[in-house]
Amino acid sequence: RDADRLPSGNTLVTDSSNHRVLEVTP
């Protein structure tokens, strides 16, 4: 339910029903 593009180019992902937040590379 949320995805933010970070200055590094990675993306901060809010994976709601998995109860977690991920930072992923492109």
PDB file of all heavy atoms in Angstrom:
ATOM      1  N   ARG A   1       0.798  -1.226   0.000  1.00  0.00           N
ATOM      2  CA  ARG A   1       0.000   0.000   0.000  1.00  0.00           C
ATOM      3  C   ARG A   1       0.833   1.280   0.000  1.00  0.00           C
ATOM      4  O   ARG A   1       0.273   2.366   0.152  1.00  0.00           O
ATOM      5  CB  ARG A   1      -0.976  -0.010   1.177  1.00  0.00           C
ATOM      6  CG  ARG A   1      -2.074  -1.056   1.017  1.00  0.00           C
ATOM      7  CD  ARG A   1      -3.177  -0.874   2.034  1.00  0.00           C
ATOM      8  NE  ARG A   1      -2.738  -1.237   3.379  1.00  0.00           N
ATOM      9  CZ  ARG A   1      -3.482  -1.070   4.463  1.00  0.00           C
ATOM     10  NH1 ARG A   1      -4.669  -0.508   4.379  1.00  0.00           N
ATOM     11  NH2 ARG A   1      -3.039  -1.450   5.651  1.00  0.00           N
ATOM     12  N   ASP A   2       2.127   1.165  -0.188  1.00  0.00           N
ATOM     13  CA  ASP A   2       2.938   2.371  -0.295  1.00  0.00           C
ATOM     14  C   ASP A   2       4.256   2.012  -0.940  1.00  0.00           C
ATOM     15  O   ASP A   2       4.790   0.915  -0.718  1.00  0.00           O
ATOM     16  CB  ASP A   2       3.174   2.988   1.091  1.00  0.00           C
ATOM     17  CG  ASP A   2       3.848   4.357   1.018  1.00  0.00           C
ATOM     18  OD1 ASP A   2       3.572   5.094   0.050  1.00  0.00           O
ATOM     19  OD2 ASP A   2       4.637   4.687   1.924  1.00  0.00           O
ATOM     20  N   ALA A   3       4.783   2.928  -1.746  1.00  0.00           N
ATOM     21  CA  ALA A   3       6.104   2.764  -2.353  1.00  0.00           C
ATOM     22  C   ALA A   3       6.711   4.147  -2.522  1.00  0.00           C
ATOM     23  O   ALA A   3       6.106   5.025  -3.129  1.00  0.00           O
ATOM     24  CB  ALA A   3       6.010   2.047  -3.704  1.00  0.00           C
ATOM     25  N   ASP A   4       7.895   4.341  -1.957  1.00  0.00           N
ATOM     26  CA  ASP A   4       8.599   5.619  -2.040  1.00  0.00           C
ATOM     27  C   ASP A   4       9.940   5.404  -2.724  1.00  0.00           C
ATOM     28  O   ASP A   4      10.712   4.526  -2.317  1.00  0.00           O
ATOM     29  CB  ASP A   4       8.842   6.211  -0.650  1.00  0.00           C
ATOM     30  CG  ASP A   4       7.562   6.444   0.130  1.00  0.00           C
ATOM     31  OD1 ASP A   4       6.510   6.629  -0.516  1.00  0.00           O
ATOM     32  OD2 ASP A   4       7.606   6.428   1.376  1.00  0.00           O
ATOM     33  N   ARG A   5      10.236   6.213  -3.723  1.00  0.00           N
ATOM     34  CA  ARG A   5      11.531   6.149  -4.377  1.00  0.00           C
ATOM     35  C   ARG A   5      12.538   6.970  -3.576  1.00  0.00           C
ATOM     36  O   ARG A   5      12.361   8.174  -3.370  1.00  0.00           O
ATOM     37  CB  ARG A   5      11.412   6.673  -5.810  1.00  0.00           C
ATOM     38  CG  ARG A   5      12.697   6.625  -6.653  1.00  0.00           C
ATOM     39  CD  ARG A   5      13.243   5.217  -6.871  1.00  0.00           C
ATOM     40  NE  ARG A   5      12.245   4.221  -7.198  1.00  0.00           N
ATOM     41  CZ  ARG A   5      11.661   4.091  -8.396  1.00  0.00           C
ATOM     42  NH1 ARG A   5      11.963   4.914  -9.387  1.00  0.00           N
ATOM     43  NH2 ARG A   5      10.765   3.138  -8.602  1.00  0.00           N
ATOM     44  N   LEU A   6      13.587   6.320  -3.135  1.00  0.00           N
ATOM     45  CA  LEU A   6      14.615   6.968  -2.332  1.00  0.00           C
ATOM     46  C   LEU A   6      15.652   7.633  -3.237  1.00  0.00           C
ATOM     47  O   LEU A   6      15.784   7.273  -4.411  1.00  0.00           O
ATOM     48  CB  LEU A   6      15.283   5.935  -1.433  1.00  0.00           C
ATOM     49  CG  LEU A   6      14.346   5.186  -0.477  1.00  0.00           C
ATOM     50  CD1 LEU A   6      15.101   4.085   0.266  1.00  0.00           C
ATOM     51  CD2 LEU A   6      13.703   6.153   0.507  1.00  0.00           C
ATOM     52  N   PRO A   7      16.394   8.605  -2.714  1.00  0.00           N
ATOM     53  CA  PRO A   7      17.413   9.270  -3.533  1.00  0.00           C
ATOM     54  C   PRO A   7      18.437   8.322  -4.132  1.00  0.00           C
ATOM     55  O   PRO A   7      18.995   8.587  -5.201  1.00  0.00           O
ATOM     56  CB  PRO A   7      18.069  10.244  -2.541  1.00  0.00           C
ATOM     57  CG  PRO A   7      17.007  10.537  -1.529  1.00  0.00           C
ATOM     58  CD  PRO A   7      16.239   9.247  -1.383  1.00  0.00           C
ATOM     59  N   SER A   8      18.700   7.201  -3.466  1.00  0.00           N
ATOM     60  CA  SER A   8      19.658   6.221  -3.975  1.00  0.00           C
ATOM     61  C   SER A   8      19.160   5.499  -5.221  1.00  0.00           C
ATOM     62  O   SER A   8      19.940   4.833  -5.910  1.00  0.00           O
ATOM     63  CB  SER A   8      19.958   5.187  -2.892  1.00  0.00           C
ATOM     64  OG  SER A   8      18.791   4.424  -2.592  1.00  0.00           O
ATOM     65  N   GLY A   9      17.862   5.583  -5.493  1.00  0.00           N
ATOM     66  CA  GLY A   9      17.265   4.812  -6.568  1.00  0.00           C
ATOM     67  C   GLY A   9      16.565   3.562  -6.082  1.00  0.00           C
ATOM     68  O   GLY A   9      15.803   2.938  -6.832  1.00  0.00           O
ATOM     69  N   ASN A  10      16.810   3.168  -4.833  1.00  0.00           N
ATOM     70  CA  ASN A  10      16.069   2.060  -4.248  1.00  0.00           C
ATOM     71  C   ASN A  10      14.640   2.509  -3.932  1.00  0.00           C
ATOM     72  O   ASN A  10      14.333   3.693  -3.910  1.00  0.00           O
ATOM     73  CB  ASN A  10      16.749   1.560  -2.969  1.00  0.00           C
ATOM     74  CG  ASN A  10      18.053   0.843  -3.247  1.00  0.00           C
ATOM     75  OD1 ASN A  10      18.379   0.554  -4.396  1.00  0.00           O
ATOM     76  ND2 ASN A  10      18.814   0.581  -2.203  1.00  0.00           N
ATOM     77  N   THR A  11      13.770   1.544  -3.676  1.00  0.00           N
ATOM     78  CA  THR A  11      12.365   1.824  -3.394  1.00  0.00           C
ATOM     79  C   THR A  11      11.999   1.252  -2.041  1.00  0.00           C
ATOM     80  O   THR A  11      12.303   0.093  -1.735  1.00  0.00           O
ATOM     81  CB  THR A  11      11.457   1.218  -4.481  1.00  0.00           C
ATOM     82  OG1 THR A  11      11.850   1.725  -5.763  1.00  0.00           O
ATOM     83  CG2 THR A  11       9.998   1.572  -4.239  1.00  0.00           C
ATOM     84  N   LEU A  12      11.355   2.081  -1.224  1.00  0.00           N
ATOM     85  CA  LEU A  12      10.874   1.657   0.090  1.00  0.00           C
ATOM     86  C   LEU A  12       9.435   1.190  -0.082  1.00  0.00           C
ATOM     87  O   LEU A  12       8.557   1.973  -0.439  1.00  0.00           O
ATOM     88  CB  LEU A  12      10.960   2.814   1.082  1.00  0.00           C
ATOM     89  CG  LEU A  12      10.743   2.484   2.557  1.00  0.00           C
ATOM     90  CD1 LEU A  12      11.892   1.616   3.087  1.00  0.00           C
ATOM     91  CD2 LEU A  12      10.615   3.767   3.372  1.00  0.00           C
ATOM     92  N   VAL A  13       9.182  -0.087   0.174  1.00  0.00           N
ATOM     93  CA  VAL A  13       7.893  -0.720  -0.093  1.00  0.00           C
ATOM     94  C   VAL A  13       7.226  -1.102   1.221  1.00  0.00           C
ATOM     95  O   VAL A  13       7.831  -1.773   2.063  1.00  0.00           O
ATOM     96  CB  VAL A  13       8.063  -1.974  -0.976  1.00  0.00           C
ATOM     97  CG1 VAL A  13       6.726  -2.687  -1.165  1.00  0.00           C
ATOM     98  CG2 VAL A  13       8.661  -1.598  -2.327  1.00  0.00           C
ATOM     99  N   THR A  14       5.971  -0.685   1.387  1.00  0.00           N
ATOM    100  CA  THR A  14       5.171  -1.094   2.527  1.00  0.00           C
ATOM    101  C   THR A  14       4.304  -2.277   2.109  1.00  0.00           C
ATOM    102  O   THR A  14       3.322  -2.117   1.396  1.00  0.00           O
ATOM    103  CB  THR A  14       4.289   0.071   3.016  1.00  0.00           C
ATOM    104  OG1 THR A  14       5.128   1.166   3.382  1.00  0.00           O
ATOM    105  CG2 THR A  14       3.452  -0.344   4.209  1.00  0.00           C
ATOM    106  N   ASP A  15       4.703  -3.467   2.539  1.00  0.00           N
ATOM    107  CA  ASP A  15       4.050  -4.721   2.173  1.00  0.00           C
ATOM    108  C   ASP A  15       3.043  -5.054   3.269  1.00  0.00           C
ATOM    109  O   ASP A  15       3.326  -5.822   4.193  1.00  0.00           O
ATOM    110  CB  ASP A  15       5.110  -5.808   2.015  1.00  0.00           C
ATOM    111  CG  ASP A  15       4.581  -7.090   1.420  1.00  0.00           C
ATOM    112  OD1 ASP A  15       3.462  -7.061   0.864  1.00  0.00           O
ATOM    113  OD2 ASP A  15       5.285  -8.113   1.500  1.00  0.00           O
ATOM    114  N   SER A  16       1.833  -4.504   3.146  1.00  0.00           N
ATOM    115  CA  SER A  16       0.917  -4.388   4.280  1.00  0.00           C
ATOM    116  C   SER A  16       0.561  -5.713   4.938  1.00  0.00           C
ATOM    117  O   SER A  16       0.742  -5.894   6.143  1.00  0.00           O
ATOM    118  CB  SER A  16      -0.364  -3.681   3.835  1.00  0.00           C
ATOM    119  OG  SER A  16      -0.133  -2.311   3.639  1.00  0.00           O
ATOM    120  N   SER A  17      -0.013  -6.628   4.184  1.00  0.00           N
ATOM    121  CA  SER A  17      -0.511  -7.857   4.794  1.00  0.00           C
ATOM    122  C   SER A  17       0.598  -8.834   5.150  1.00  0.00           C
ATOM    123  O   SER A  17       0.355  -9.825   5.847  1.00  0.00           O
ATOM    124  CB  SER A  17      -1.534  -8.531   3.876  1.00  0.00           C
ATOM    125  OG  SER A  17      -2.723  -7.782   3.841  1.00  0.00           O
ATOM    126  N   ASN A  18       1.815  -8.571   4.688  1.00  0.00           N
ATOM    127  CA  ASN A  18       2.971  -9.329   5.155  1.00  0.00           C
ATOM    128  C   ASN A  18       3.641  -8.649   6.344  1.00  0.00           C
ATOM    129  O   ASN A  18       4.699  -9.109   6.800  1.00  0.00           O
ATOM    130  CB  ASN A  18       3.983  -9.533   4.027  1.00  0.00           C
ATOM    131  CG  ASN A  18       3.560 -10.624   3.066  1.00  0.00           C
ATOM    132  OD1 ASN A  18       2.827 -11.537   3.436  1.00  0.00           O
ATOM    133  ND2 ASN A  18       4.011 -10.544   1.813  1.00  0.00           N
ATOM    134  N   HIS A  19       3.064  -7.531   6.807  1.00  0.00           N
ATOM    135  CA  HIS A  19       3.476  -6.871   8.052  1.00  0.00           C
ATOM    136  C   HIS A  19       4.932  -6.413   8.015  1.00  0.00           C
ATOM    137  O   HIS A  19       5.640  -6.462   9.026  1.00  0.00           O
ATOM    138  CB  HIS A  19       3.260  -7.792   9.253  1.00  0.00           C
ATOM    139  CG  HIS A  19       1.952  -8.495   9.261  1.00  0.00           C
ATOM    140  ND1 HIS A  19       0.748  -7.837   9.453  1.00  0.00           N
ATOM    141  CD2 HIS A  19       1.626  -9.800   9.058  1.00  0.00           C
ATOM    142  CE1 HIS A  19      -0.243  -8.712   9.387  1.00  0.00           C
ATOM    143  NE2 HIS A  19       0.260  -9.905   9.147  1.00  0.00           N
ATOM    144  N   ARG A  20       5.382  -5.930   6.861  1.00  0.00           N
ATOM    145  CA  ARG A  20       6.796  -5.589   6.758  1.00  0.00           C
ATOM    146  C   ARG A  20       7.023  -4.411   5.830  1.00  0.00           C
ATOM    147  O   ARG A  20       6.167  -4.038   5.015  1.00  0.00           O
ATOM    148  CB  ARG A  20       7.592  -6.792   6.240  1.00  0.00           C
ATOM    149  CG  ARG A  20       7.166  -7.236   4.842  1.00  0.00           C
ATOM    150  CD  ARG A  20       7.985  -8.403   4.331  1.00  0.00           C
ATOM    151  NE  ARG A  20       7.544  -8.841   3.017  1.00  0.00           N
ATOM    152  CZ  ARG A  20       8.179  -9.726   2.265  1.00  0.00           C
ATOM    153  NH1 ARG A  20       9.302 -10.284   2.714  1.00  0.00           N
ATOM    154  NH2 ARG A  20       7.706 -10.075   1.088  1.00  0.00           N
ATOM    155  N   VAL A  21       8.210  -3.835   5.954  1.00  0.00           N
ATOM    156  CA  VAL A  21       8.680  -2.783   5.058  1.00  0.00           C
ATOM    157  C   VAL A  21       9.994  -3.253   4.447  1.00  0.00           C
ATOM    158  O   VAL A  21      10.868  -3.773   5.156  1.00  0.00           O
ATOM    159  CB  VAL A  21       8.870  -1.459   5.809  1.00  0.00           C
ATOM    160  CG1 VAL A  21       9.516  -0.412   4.914  1.00  0.00           C
ATOM    161  CG2 VAL A  21       7.530  -0.947   6.334  1.00  0.00           C
ATOM    162  N   LEU A  22      10.106  -3.076   3.148  1.00  0.00           N
ATOM    163  CA  LEU A  22      11.273  -3.544   2.409  1.00  0.00           C
ATOM    164  C   LEU A  22      11.948  -2.378   1.697  1.00  0.00           C
ATOM    165  O   LEU A  22      11.273  -1.484   1.193  1.00  0.00           O
ATOM    166  CB  LEU A  22      10.878  -4.566   1.336  1.00  0.00           C
ATOM    167  CG  LEU A  22       9.961  -5.720   1.711  1.00  0.00           C
ATOM    168  CD1 LEU A  22       9.412  -6.388   0.461  1.00  0.00           C
ATOM    169  CD2 LEU A  22      10.728  -6.730   2.550  1.00  0.00           C
ATOM    170  N   GLU A  23      13.270  -2.415   1.641  1.00  0.00           N
ATOM    171  CA  GLU A  23      13.990  -1.554   0.703  1.00  0.00           C
ATOM    172  C   GLU A  23      14.562  -2.444  -0.374  1.00  0.00           C
ATOM    173  O   GLU A  23      15.297  -3.397  -0.080  1.00  0.00           O
ATOM    174  CB  GLU A  23      15.107  -0.781   1.395  1.00  0.00           C
ATOM    175  CG  GLU A  23      15.843   0.146   0.432  1.00  0.00           C
ATOM    176  CD  GLU A  23      16.959   0.951   1.078  1.00  0.00           C
ATOM    177  OE1 GLU A  23      16.913   1.139   2.319  1.00  0.00           O
ATOM    178  OE2 GLU A  23      17.865   1.388   0.337  1.00  0.00           O
ATOM    179  N   VAL A  24      14.192  -2.157  -1.625  1.00  0.00           N
ATOM    180  CA  VAL A  24      14.607  -3.008  -2.738  1.00  0.00           C
ATOM    181  C   VAL A  24      15.381  -2.189  -3.757  1.00  0.00           C
ATOM    182  O   VAL A  24      15.135  -0.986  -3.932  1.00  0.00           O
ATOM    183  CB  VAL A  24      13.396  -3.695  -3.415  1.00  0.00           C
ATOM    184  CG1 VAL A  24      12.611  -4.522  -2.418  1.00  0.00           C
ATOM    185  CG2 VAL A  24      12.483  -2.673  -4.075  1.00  0.00           C
ATOM    186  N   THR A  25      16.313  -2.831  -4.431  1.00  0.00           N
ATOM    187  CA  THR A  25      17.066  -2.186  -5.502  1.00  0.00           C
ATOM    188  C   THR A  25      16.181  -2.078  -6.746  1.00  0.00           C
ATOM    189  O   THR A  25      15.103  -2.697  -6.812  1.00  0.00           O
ATOM    190  CB  THR A  25      18.319  -3.006  -5.849  1.00  0.00           C
ATOM    191  OG1 THR A  25      17.899  -4.255  -6.442  1.00  0.00           O
ATOM    192  CG2 THR A  25      19.155  -3.278  -4.604  1.00  0.00           C
ATOM    193  N   PRO A  26      16.600  -1.317  -7.749  1.00  0.00           N
ATOM    194  CA  PRO A  26      15.809  -1.256  -8.981  1.00  0.00           C
ATOM    195  C   PRO A  26      15.579  -2.614  -9.621  1.00  0.00           C
ATOM    196  O   PRO A  26      14.605  -2.804 -10.353  1.00  0.00           O
ATOM    197  CB  PRO A  26      16.653  -0.343  -9.889  1.00  0.00           C
ATOM    198  CG  PRO A  26      17.414   0.523  -8.943  1.00  0.00           C
ATOM    199  CD  PRO A  26      17.732  -0.359  -7.773  1.00  0.00           C
TER     200      PRO A  26
END
